[in-house]
Amino acid sequence: MNNYNADPNKAEETVKEMNRKTIQEKLENFDEFKFYLSSKIEVGKNLGMDEEQLAKSAEKVAGYLASNAEPQNREEALLQELWKVGNEEERHKLAHMLVKLAN
């Protein structure tokens, strides 16, 4: 079942609404980050989002975090560097990989 009202842009809005303390808490531990991402992907699936919509949402969140959050560990620093050097297509593929990683 696909919910075409699911809007990947809302992911970016949600991240912007989170306060910095909450974001930092989620990023302190990479396993916690993956668990958090997994829980948000599950919410998206329950809303009827398919993998492409989930990846677009992940792109919005990753773009926001790459610009506004400091990596808290080596894994997040690597993801941030990959995001920064990637072009639009590469970032989209990385977003798909993040969705798969968190599933």
PDB file of N, CA and C in Angstrom:
ATOM      1  N   MET A   1       0.840  -1.173   0.000  1.00  0.00           N
ATOM      2  CA  MET A   1       0.000   0.000   0.000  1.00  0.00           C
ATOM      3  C   MET A   1       0.887   1.238   0.000  1.00  0.00           C
ATOM      4  N   ASN A   2       0.600   2.140  -0.868  1.00  0.00           N
ATOM      5  CA  ASN A   2       1.425   3.327  -1.008  1.00  0.00           C
ATOM      6  C   ASN A   2       0.604   4.560  -0.670  1.00  0.00           C
ATOM      7  N   ASN A   3       1.110   5.391   0.194  1.00  0.00           N
ATOM      8  CA  ASN A   3       0.450   6.634   0.561  1.00  0.00           C
ATOM      9  C   ASN A   3       1.150   7.761  -0.184  1.00  0.00           C
ATOM     10  N   TYR A   4       0.518   8.268  -1.213  1.00  0.00           N
ATOM     11  CA  TYR A   4       1.159   9.285  -2.028  1.00  0.00           C
ATOM     12  C   TYR A   4       1.158  10.650  -1.353  1.00  0.00           C
ATOM     13  N   ASN A   5       0.522  10.755  -0.171  1.00  0.00           N
ATOM     14  CA  ASN A   5       0.559  12.000   0.581  1.00  0.00           C
ATOM     15  C   ASN A   5       1.812  12.103   1.439  1.00  0.00           C
ATOM     16  N   ALA A   6       2.572  11.011   1.548  1.00  0.00           N
ATOM     17  CA  ALA A   6       3.807  11.035   2.338  1.00  0.00           C
ATOM     18  C   ALA A   6       4.790  11.972   1.642  1.00  0.00           C
ATOM     19  N   ASP A   7       5.272  12.952   2.374  1.00  0.00           N
ATOM     20  CA  ASP A   7       6.109  13.994   1.788  1.00  0.00           C
ATOM     21  C   ASP A   7       7.518  13.945   2.369  1.00  0.00           C
ATOM     22  N   PRO A   8       8.517  13.574   1.562  1.00  0.00           N
ATOM     23  CA  PRO A   8       9.893  13.540   2.053  1.00  0.00           C
ATOM     24  C   PRO A   8      10.371  14.876   2.608  1.00  0.00           C
ATOM     25  N   ASN A   9       9.808  15.990   2.157  1.00  0.00           N
ATOM     26  CA  ASN A   9      10.224  17.300   2.663  1.00  0.00           C
ATOM     27  C   ASN A   9       9.887  17.481   4.137  1.00  0.00           C
ATOM     28  N   LYS A  10       8.894  16.736   4.627  1.00  0.00           N
ATOM     29  CA  LYS A  10       8.534  16.835   6.042  1.00  0.00           C
ATOM     30  C   LYS A  10       9.649  16.301   6.930  1.00  0.00           C
ATOM     31  N   ALA A  11      10.483  15.427   6.408  1.00  0.00           N
ATOM     32  CA  ALA A  11      11.609  14.903   7.189  1.00  0.00           C
ATOM     33  C   ALA A  11      12.548  16.040   7.568  1.00  0.00           C
ATOM     34  N   GLU A  12      12.836  16.905   6.620  1.00  0.00           N
ATOM     35  CA  GLU A  12      13.723  18.041   6.894  1.00  0.00           C
ATOM     36  C   GLU A  12      13.085  18.984   7.911  1.00  0.00           C
ATOM     37  N   GLU A  13      11.782  19.219   7.781  1.00  0.00           N
ATOM     38  CA  GLU A  13      11.086  20.089   8.729  1.00  0.00           C
ATOM     39  C   GLU A  13      11.154  19.511  10.137  1.00  0.00           C
ATOM     40  N   THR A  14      10.978  18.201  10.253  1.00  0.00           N
ATOM     41  CA  THR A  14      11.019  17.544  11.555  1.00  0.00           C
ATOM     42  C   THR A  14      12.386  17.689  12.191  1.00  0.00           C
ATOM     43  N   VAL A  15      13.433  17.482  11.408  1.00  0.00           N
ATOM     44  CA  VAL A  15      14.790  17.613  11.942  1.00  0.00           C
ATOM     45  C   VAL A  15      15.034  19.044  12.402  1.00  0.00           C
ATOM     46  N   LYS A  16      14.584  20.016  11.649  1.00  0.00           N
ATOM     47  CA  LYS A  16      14.783  21.418  12.022  1.00  0.00           C
ATOM     48  C   LYS A  16      14.072  21.752  13.329  1.00  0.00           C
ATOM     49  N   GLU A  17      12.942  21.077  13.591  1.00  0.00           N
ATOM     50  CA  GLU A  17      12.188  21.329  14.814  1.00  0.00           C
ATOM     51  C   GLU A  17      12.850  20.713  16.042  1.00  0.00           C
ATOM     52  N   MET A  18      13.668  19.697  15.839  1.00  0.00           N
ATOM     53  CA  MET A  18      14.356  19.079  16.968  1.00  0.00           C
ATOM     54  C   MET A  18      15.368  20.074  17.523  1.00  0.00           C
ATOM     55  N   ASN A  19      15.485  20.119  18.838  1.00  0.00           N
ATOM     56  CA  ASN A  19      16.483  21.023  19.392  1.00  0.00           C
ATOM     57  C   ASN A  19      17.871  20.403  19.279  1.00  0.00           C
ATOM     58  N   ARG A  20      18.885  21.218  19.391  1.00  0.00           N
ATOM     59  CA  ARG A  20      20.269  20.755  19.215  1.00  0.00           C
ATOM     60  C   ARG A  20      20.635  19.663  20.206  1.00  0.00           C
ATOM     61  N   LYS A  21      20.131  19.755  21.429  1.00  0.00           N
ATOM     62  CA  LYS A  21      20.445  18.744  22.439  1.00  0.00           C
ATOM     63  C   LYS A  21      19.929  17.376  22.006  1.00  0.00           C
ATOM     64  N   THR A  22      18.710  17.324  21.504  1.00  0.00           N
ATOM     65  CA  THR A  22      18.132  16.061  21.050  1.00  0.00           C
ATOM     66  C   THR A  22      18.940  15.489  19.898  1.00  0.00           C
ATOM     67  N   ILE A  23      19.325  16.337  18.950  1.00  0.00           N
ATOM     68  CA  ILE A  23      20.123  15.877  17.815  1.00  0.00           C
ATOM     69  C   ILE A  23      21.452  15.317  18.310  1.00  0.00           C
ATOM     70  N   GLN A  24      22.123  16.043  19.192  1.00  0.00           N
ATOM     71  CA  GLN A  24      23.412  15.583  19.708  1.00  0.00           C
ATOM     72  C   GLN A  24      23.273  14.248  20.430  1.00  0.00           C
ATOM     73  N   GLU A  25      22.194  14.071  21.213  1.00  0.00           N
ATOM     74  CA  GLU A  25      21.982  12.808  21.917  1.00  0.00           C
ATOM     75  C   GLU A  25      21.852  11.651  20.930  1.00  0.00           C
ATOM     76  N   LYS A  26      21.175  11.871  19.828  1.00  0.00           N
ATOM     77  CA  LYS A  26      20.980  10.812  18.834  1.00  0.00           C
ATOM     78  C   LYS A  26      22.268  10.489  18.093  1.00  0.00           C
ATOM     79  N   LEU A  27      23.168  11.447  18.001  1.00  0.00           N
ATOM     80  CA  LEU A  27      24.385  11.254  17.223  1.00  0.00           C
ATOM     81  C   LEU A  27      25.583  10.798  18.052  1.00  0.00           C
ATOM     82  N   GLU A  28      25.459  10.781  19.375  1.00  0.00           N
ATOM     83  CA  GLU A  28      26.604  10.450  20.226  1.00  0.00           C
ATOM     84  C   GLU A  28      27.144   9.046  19.975  1.00  0.00           C
ATOM     85  N   ASN A  29      26.289   8.132  19.665  1.00  0.00           N
ATOM     86  CA  ASN A  29      26.682   6.741  19.491  1.00  0.00           C
ATOM     87  C   ASN A  29      26.150   6.274  18.144  1.00  0.00           C
ATOM     88  N   PHE A  30      26.995   5.660  17.329  1.00  0.00           N
ATOM     89  CA  PHE A  30      26.566   5.267  15.987  1.00  0.00           C
ATOM     90  C   PHE A  30      25.448   4.234  16.026  1.00  0.00           C
ATOM     91  N   ASP A  31      25.495   3.315  16.985  1.00  0.00           N
ATOM     92  CA  ASP A  31      24.414   2.334  17.108  1.00  0.00           C
ATOM     93  C   ASP A  31      23.102   3.017  17.470  1.00  0.00           C
ATOM     94  N   GLU A  32      23.174   4.033  18.312  1.00  0.00           N
ATOM     95  CA  GLU A  32      21.978   4.810  18.662  1.00  0.00           C
ATOM     96  C   GLU A  32      21.458   5.540  17.427  1.00  0.00           C
ATOM     97  N   PHE A  33      22.374   6.078  16.626  1.00  0.00           N
ATOM     98  CA  PHE A  33      21.998   6.744  15.383  1.00  0.00           C
ATOM     99  C   PHE A  33      21.277   5.770  14.452  1.00  0.00           C
ATOM    100  N   LYS A  34      21.824   4.565  14.292  1.00  0.00           N
ATOM    101  CA  LYS A  34      21.184   3.571  13.420  1.00  0.00           C
ATOM    102  C   LYS A  34      19.815   3.171  13.963  1.00  0.00           C
ATOM    103  N   PHE A  35      19.715   3.001  15.285  1.00  0.00           N
ATOM    104  CA  PHE A  35      18.434   2.645  15.890  1.00  0.00           C
ATOM    105  C   PHE A  35      17.412   3.758  15.653  1.00  0.00           C
ATOM    106  N   TYR A  36      17.832   4.996  15.848  1.00  0.00           N
ATOM    107  CA  TYR A  36      16.952   6.142  15.628  1.00  0.00           C
ATOM    108  C   TYR A  36      16.503   6.195  14.168  1.00  0.00           C
ATOM    109  N   LEU A  37      17.444   6.036  13.260  1.00  0.00           N
ATOM    110  CA  LEU A  37      17.117   6.037  11.839  1.00  0.00           C
ATOM    111  C   LEU A  37      16.152   4.905  11.508  1.00  0.00           C
ATOM    112  N   SER A  38      16.399   3.736  12.064  1.00  0.00           N
ATOM    113  CA  SER A  38      15.530   2.585  11.845  1.00  0.00           C
ATOM    114  C   SER A  38      14.105   2.862  12.317  1.00  0.00           C
ATOM    115  N   SER A  39      13.979   3.493  13.477  1.00  0.00           N
ATOM    116  CA  SER A  39      12.639   3.787  14.003  1.00  0.00           C
ATOM    117  C   SER A  39      11.907   4.777  13.106  1.00  0.00           C
ATOM    118  N   LYS A  40      12.617   5.744  12.553  1.00  0.00           N
ATOM    119  CA  LYS A  40      11.985   6.722  11.665  1.00  0.00           C
ATOM    120  C   LYS A  40      11.619   6.088  10.320  1.00  0.00           C
ATOM    121  N   ILE A  41      12.430   5.160   9.858  1.00  0.00           N
ATOM    122  CA  ILE A  41      12.111   4.443   8.623  1.00  0.00           C
ATOM    123  C   ILE A  41      10.852   3.613   8.825  1.00  0.00           C
ATOM    124  N   GLU A  42      10.734   2.996   9.981  1.00  0.00           N
ATOM    125  CA  GLU A  42       9.541   2.204  10.292  1.00  0.00           C
ATOM    126  C   GLU A  42       8.293   3.086  10.282  1.00  0.00           C
ATOM    127  N   VAL A  43       8.399   4.279  10.830  1.00  0.00           N
ATOM    128  CA  VAL A  43       7.272   5.218  10.799  1.00  0.00           C
ATOM    129  C   VAL A  43       6.908   5.537   9.351  1.00  0.00           C
ATOM    130  N   GLY A  44       7.915   5.808   8.530  1.00  0.00           N
ATOM    131  CA  GLY A  44       7.669   6.092   7.118  1.00  0.00           C
ATOM    132  C   GLY A  44       6.989   4.939   6.408  1.00  0.00           C
ATOM    133  N   LYS A  45       7.438   3.724   6.686  1.00  0.00           N
ATOM    134  CA  LYS A  45       6.810   2.545   6.082  1.00  0.00           C
ATOM    135  C   LYS A  45       5.352   2.442   6.507  1.00  0.00           C
ATOM    136  N   ASN A  46       5.095   2.704   7.790  1.00  0.00           N
ATOM    137  CA  ASN A  46       3.719   2.644   8.288  1.00  0.00           C
ATOM    138  C   ASN A  46       2.835   3.708   7.653  1.00  0.00           C
ATOM    139  N   LEU A  47       3.446   4.786   7.187  1.00  0.00           N
ATOM    140  CA  LEU A  47       2.712   5.832   6.476  1.00  0.00           C
ATOM    141  C   LEU A  47       2.544   5.501   4.997  1.00  0.00           C
ATOM    142  N   GLY A  48       3.136   4.385   4.578  1.00  0.00           N
ATOM    143  CA  GLY A  48       2.994   3.951   3.194  1.00  0.00           C
ATOM    144  C   GLY A  48       4.109   4.395   2.271  1.00  0.00           C
ATOM    145  N   MET A  49       5.207   4.885   2.823  1.00  0.00           N
ATOM    146  CA  MET A  49       6.316   5.332   1.975  1.00  0.00           C
ATOM    147  C   MET A  49       7.057   4.127   1.406  1.00  0.00           C
ATOM    148  N   ASP A  50       7.393   4.197   0.117  1.00  0.00           N
ATOM    149  CA  ASP A  50       8.193   3.140  -0.493  1.00  0.00           C
ATOM    150  C   ASP A  50       9.676   3.482  -0.317  1.00  0.00           C
ATOM    151  N   GLU A  51      10.558   2.609  -0.815  1.00  0.00           N
ATOM    152  CA  GLU A  51      11.992   2.815  -0.603  1.00  0.00           C
ATOM    153  C   GLU A  51      12.482   4.130  -1.205  1.00  0.00           C
ATOM    154  N   GLU A  52      11.960   4.497  -2.350  1.00  0.00           N
ATOM    155  CA  GLU A  52      12.386   5.748  -2.985  1.00  0.00           C
ATOM    156  C   GLU A  52      11.999   6.954  -2.130  1.00  0.00           C
ATOM    157  N   GLN A  53      10.789   6.946  -1.603  1.00  0.00           N
ATOM    158  CA  GLN A  53      10.352   8.046  -0.741  1.00  0.00           C
ATOM    159  C   GLN A  53      11.173   8.089   0.542  1.00  0.00           C
ATOM    160  N   LEU A  54      11.483   6.914   1.090  1.00  0.00           N
ATOM    161  CA  LEU A  54      12.315   6.851   2.288  1.00  0.00           C
ATOM    162  C   LEU A  54      13.704   7.415   2.006  1.00  0.00           C
ATOM    163  N   ALA A  55      14.259   7.073   0.845  1.00  0.00           N
ATOM    164  CA  ALA A  55      15.588   7.574   0.478  1.00  0.00           C
ATOM    165  C   ALA A  55      15.567   9.089   0.297  1.00  0.00           C
ATOM    166  N   LYS A  56      14.504   9.619  -0.295  1.00  0.00           N
ATOM    167  CA  LYS A  56      14.406  11.074  -0.462  1.00  0.00           C
ATOM    168  C   LYS A  56      14.327  11.760   0.897  1.00  0.00           C
ATOM    169  N   SER A  57      13.600  11.150   1.825  1.00  0.00           N
ATOM    170  CA  SER A  57      13.539  11.691   3.187  1.00  0.00           C
ATOM    171  C   SER A  57      14.911  11.630   3.842  1.00  0.00           C
ATOM    172  N   ALA A  58      15.600  10.507   3.659  1.00  0.00           N
ATOM    173  CA  ALA A  58      16.947  10.353   4.222  1.00  0.00           C
ATOM    174  C   ALA A  58      17.889  11.400   3.638  1.00  0.00           C
ATOM    175  N   GLU A  59      17.725  11.717   2.357  1.00  0.00           N
ATOM    176  CA  GLU A  59      18.546  12.762   1.727  1.00  0.00           C
ATOM    177  C   GLU A  59      18.342  14.111   2.408  1.00  0.00           C
ATOM    178  N   LYS A  60      17.085  14.444   2.671  1.00  0.00           N
ATOM    179  CA  LYS A  60      16.780  15.725   3.317  1.00  0.00           C
ATOM    180  C   LYS A  60      17.431  15.797   4.695  1.00  0.00           C
ATOM    181  N   VAL A  61      17.274  14.727   5.473  1.00  0.00           N
ATOM    182  CA  VAL A  61      17.833  14.697   6.826  1.00  0.00           C
ATOM    183  C   VAL A  61      19.357  14.740   6.772  1.00  0.00           C
ATOM    184  N   ALA A  62      19.949  13.934   5.893  1.00  0.00           N
ATOM    185  CA  ALA A  62      21.412  13.886   5.788  1.00  0.00           C
ATOM    186  C   ALA A  62      21.975  15.240   5.370  1.00  0.00           C
ATOM    187  N   GLY A  63      21.315  15.890   4.438  1.00  0.00           N
ATOM    188  CA  GLY A  63      21.763  17.211   4.008  1.00  0.00           C
ATOM    189  C   GLY A  63      21.723  18.218   5.142  1.00  0.00           C
ATOM    190  N   TYR A  64      20.650  18.162   5.912  1.00  0.00           N
ATOM    191  CA  TYR A  64      20.540  19.071   7.057  1.00  0.00           C
ATOM    192  C   TYR A  64      21.630  18.784   8.081  1.00  0.00           C
ATOM    193  N   LEU A  65      21.807  17.503   8.425  1.00  0.00           N
ATOM    194  CA  LEU A  65      22.808  17.138   9.428  1.00  0.00           C
ATOM    195  C   LEU A  65      24.225  17.467   8.961  1.00  0.00           C
ATOM    196  N   ALA A  66      24.507  17.244   7.674  1.00  0.00           N
ATOM    197  CA  ALA A  66      25.845  17.537   7.150  1.00  0.00           C
ATOM    198  C   ALA A  66      26.174  19.024   7.275  1.00  0.00           C
ATOM    199  N   SER A  67      25.155  19.854   7.185  1.00  0.00           N
ATOM    200  CA  SER A  67      25.369  21.302   7.265  1.00  0.00           C
ATOM    201  C   SER A  67      25.273  21.867   8.676  1.00  0.00           C
ATOM    202  N   ASN A  68      24.566  21.157   9.568  1.00  0.00           N
ATOM    203  CA  ASN A  68      24.232  21.760  10.858  1.00  0.00           C
ATOM    204  C   ASN A  68      24.643  20.982  12.099  1.00  0.00           C
ATOM    205  N   ALA A  69      25.169  19.789  11.951  1.00  0.00           N
ATOM    206  CA  ALA A  69      25.520  18.989  13.129  1.00  0.00           C
ATOM    207  C   ALA A  69      26.967  18.527  13.036  1.00  0.00           C
ATOM    208  N   GLU A  70      27.629  18.524  14.162  1.00  0.00           N
ATOM    209  CA  GLU A  70      28.995  18.019  14.225  1.00  0.00           C
ATOM    210  C   GLU A  70      28.964  16.503  14.399  1.00  0.00           C
ATOM    211  N   PRO A  71      29.746  15.765  13.621  1.00  0.00           N
ATOM    212  CA  PRO A  71      29.814  14.312  13.811  1.00  0.00           C
ATOM    213  C   PRO A  71      30.321  14.003  15.218  1.00  0.00           C
ATOM    214  N   GLN A  72      29.757  12.976  15.830  1.00  0.00           N
ATOM    215  CA  GLN A  72      30.119  12.622  17.193  1.00  0.00           C
ATOM    216  C   GLN A  72      31.012  11.394  17.276  1.00  0.00           C
ATOM    217  N   ASN A  73      31.278  10.782  16.134  1.00  0.00           N
ATOM    218  CA  ASN A  73      32.149   9.607  16.120  1.00  0.00           C
ATOM    219  C   ASN A  73      32.733   9.451  14.717  1.00  0.00           C
ATOM    220  N   ARG A  74      33.645   8.491  14.567  1.00  0.00           N
ATOM    221  CA  ARG A  74      34.330   8.307  13.276  1.00  0.00           C
ATOM    222  C   ARG A  74      33.377   7.929  12.156  1.00  0.00           C
ATOM    223  N   GLU A  75      32.388   7.094  12.469  1.00  0.00           N
ATOM    224  CA  GLU A  75      31.452   6.661  11.427  1.00  0.00           C
ATOM    225  C   GLU A  75      30.662   7.848  10.882  1.00  0.00           C
ATOM    226  N   GLU A  76      30.201   8.689  11.781  1.00  0.00           N
ATOM    227  CA  GLU A  76      29.438   9.855  11.347  1.00  0.00           C
ATOM    228  C   GLU A  76      30.322  10.855  10.601  1.00  0.00           C
ATOM    229  N   ALA A  77      31.577  10.964  11.014  1.00  0.00           N
ATOM    230  CA  ALA A  77      32.509  11.846  10.297  1.00  0.00           C
ATOM    231  C   ALA A  77      32.719  11.338   8.869  1.00  0.00           C
ATOM    232  N   LEU A  78      32.848  10.035   8.719  1.00  0.00           N
ATOM    233  CA  LEU A  78      32.997   9.452   7.383  1.00  0.00           C
ATOM    234  C   LEU A  78      31.754   9.714   6.539  1.00  0.00           C
ATOM    235  N   LEU A  79      30.576   9.485   7.110  1.00  0.00           N
ATOM    236  CA  LEU A  79      29.340   9.744   6.368  1.00  0.00           C
ATOM    237  C   LEU A  79      29.250  11.209   5.952  1.00  0.00           C
ATOM    238  N   GLN A  80      29.626  12.111   6.846  1.00  0.00           N
ATOM    239  CA  GLN A  80      29.579  13.529   6.527  1.00  0.00           C
ATOM    240  C   GLN A  80      30.543  13.870   5.389  1.00  0.00           C
ATOM    241  N   GLU A  81      31.739  13.320   5.435  1.00  0.00           N
ATOM    242  CA  GLU A  81      32.715  13.579   4.368  1.00  0.00           C
ATOM    243  C   GLU A  81      32.233  13.012   3.032  1.00  0.00           C
ATOM    244  N   LEU A  82      31.689  11.795   3.053  1.00  0.00           N
ATOM    245  CA  LEU A  82      31.146  11.212   1.823  1.00  0.00           C
ATOM    246  C   LEU A  82      30.030  12.086   1.267  1.00  0.00           C
ATOM    247  N   TRP A  83      29.179  12.575   2.162  1.00  0.00           N
ATOM    248  CA  TRP A  83      28.068  13.430   1.739  1.00  0.00           C
ATOM    249  C   TRP A  83      28.590  14.711   1.094  1.00  0.00           C
ATOM    250  N   LYS A  84      29.587  15.308   1.706  1.00  0.00           N
ATOM    251  CA  LYS A  84      30.107  16.583   1.212  1.00  0.00           C
ATOM    252  C   LYS A  84      30.787  16.455  -0.146  1.00  0.00           C
ATOM    253  N   VAL A  85      31.478  15.342  -0.398  1.00  0.00           N
ATOM    254  CA  VAL A  85      32.187  15.201  -1.674  1.00  0.00           C
ATOM    255  C   VAL A  85      31.314  14.617  -2.773  1.00  0.00           C
ATOM    256  N   GLY A  86      30.171  14.045  -2.408  1.00  0.00           N
ATOM    257  CA  GLY A  86      29.308  13.413  -3.399  1.00  0.00           C
ATOM    258  C   GLY A  86      28.506  14.417  -4.202  1.00  0.00           C
ATOM    259  N   ASN A  87      28.233  14.040  -5.449  1.00  0.00           N
ATOM    260  CA  ASN A  87      27.323  14.857  -6.250  1.00  0.00           C
ATOM    261  C   ASN A  87      25.884  14.428  -5.924  1.00  0.00           C
ATOM    262  N   GLU A  88      24.913  15.031  -6.570  1.00  0.00           N
ATOM    263  CA  GLU A  88      23.505  14.754  -6.266  1.00  0.00           C
ATOM    264  C   GLU A  88      23.164  13.269  -6.420  1.00  0.00           C
ATOM    265  N   GLU A  89      23.618  12.648  -7.495  1.00  0.00           N
ATOM    266  CA  GLU A  89      23.337  11.228  -7.734  1.00  0.00           C
ATOM    267  C   GLU A  89      23.993  10.352  -6.666  1.00  0.00           C
ATOM    268  N   GLU A  90      25.231  10.657  -6.325  1.00  0.00           N
ATOM    269  CA  GLU A  90      25.945   9.873  -5.313  1.00  0.00           C
ATOM    270  C   GLU A  90      25.296  10.023  -3.938  1.00  0.00           C
ATOM    271  N   ARG A  91      24.845  11.221  -3.627  1.00  0.00           N
ATOM    272  CA  ARG A  91      24.155  11.435  -2.350  1.00  0.00           C
ATOM    273  C   ARG A  91      22.855  10.637  -2.301  1.00  0.00           C
ATOM    274  N   HIS A  92      22.152  10.605  -3.425  1.00  0.00           N
ATOM    275  CA  HIS A  92      20.907   9.840  -3.479  1.00  0.00           C
ATOM    276  C   HIS A  92      21.186   8.352  -3.247  1.00  0.00           C
ATOM    277  N   LYS A  93      22.237   7.850  -3.859  1.00  0.00           N
ATOM    278  CA  LYS A  93      22.603   6.438  -3.661  1.00  0.00           C
ATOM    279  C   LYS A  93      23.032   6.186  -2.217  1.00  0.00           C
ATOM    280  N   LEU A  94      23.760   7.125  -1.633  1.00  0.00           N
ATOM    281  CA  LEU A  94      24.159   6.989  -0.233  1.00  0.00           C
ATOM    282  C   LEU A  94      22.926   6.975   0.670  1.00  0.00           C
ATOM    283  N   ALA A  95      21.940   7.796   0.345  1.00  0.00           N
ATOM    284  CA  ALA A  95      20.692   7.803   1.121  1.00  0.00           C
ATOM    285  C   ALA A  95      20.013   6.441   1.047  1.00  0.00           C
ATOM    286  N   HIS A  96      19.995   5.835  -0.143  1.00  0.00           N
ATOM    287  CA  HIS A  96      19.439   4.480  -0.279  1.00  0.00           C
ATOM    288  C   HIS A  96      20.214   3.495   0.595  1.00  0.00           C
ATOM    289  N   MET A  97      21.534   3.619   0.608  1.00  0.00           N
ATOM    290  CA  MET A  97      22.347   2.711   1.431  1.00  0.00           C
ATOM    291  C   MET A  97      22.078   2.921   2.916  1.00  0.00           C
ATOM    292  N   LEU A  98      21.864   4.161   3.332  1.00  0.00           N
ATOM    293  CA  LEU A  98      21.540   4.422   4.734  1.00  0.00           C
ATOM    294  C   LEU A  98      20.207   3.787   5.116  1.00  0.00           C
ATOM    295  N   VAL A  99      19.238   3.861   4.215  1.00  0.00           N
ATOM    296  CA  VAL A  99      17.941   3.217   4.475  1.00  0.00           C
ATOM    297  C   VAL A  99      18.137   1.717   4.628  1.00  0.00           C
ATOM    298  N   LYS A 100      18.927   1.121   3.743  1.00  0.00           N
ATOM    299  CA  LYS A 100      19.196  -0.321   3.846  1.00  0.00           C
ATOM    300  C   LYS A 100      19.957  -0.660   5.123  1.00  0.00           C
ATOM    301  N   LEU A 101      20.917   0.166   5.489  1.00  0.00           N
ATOM    302  CA  LEU A 101      21.703  -0.060   6.699  1.00  0.00           C
ATOM    303  C   LEU A 101      20.819  -0.074   7.938  1.00  0.00           C
ATOM    304  N   ALA A 102      19.845   0.806   7.963  1.00  0.00           N
ATOM    305  CA  ALA A 102      18.996   0.939   9.149  1.00  0.00           C
ATOM    306  C   ALA A 102      17.839  -0.051   9.177  1.00  0.00           C
ATOM    307  N   ASN A 103      17.599  -0.732   8.084  1.00  0.00           N
ATOM    308  CA  ASN A 103      16.493  -1.705   8.053  1.00  0.00           C
ATOM    309  C   ASN A 103      16.856  -2.985   8.731  1.00  0.00           C
TER     310      ASN A 103
END
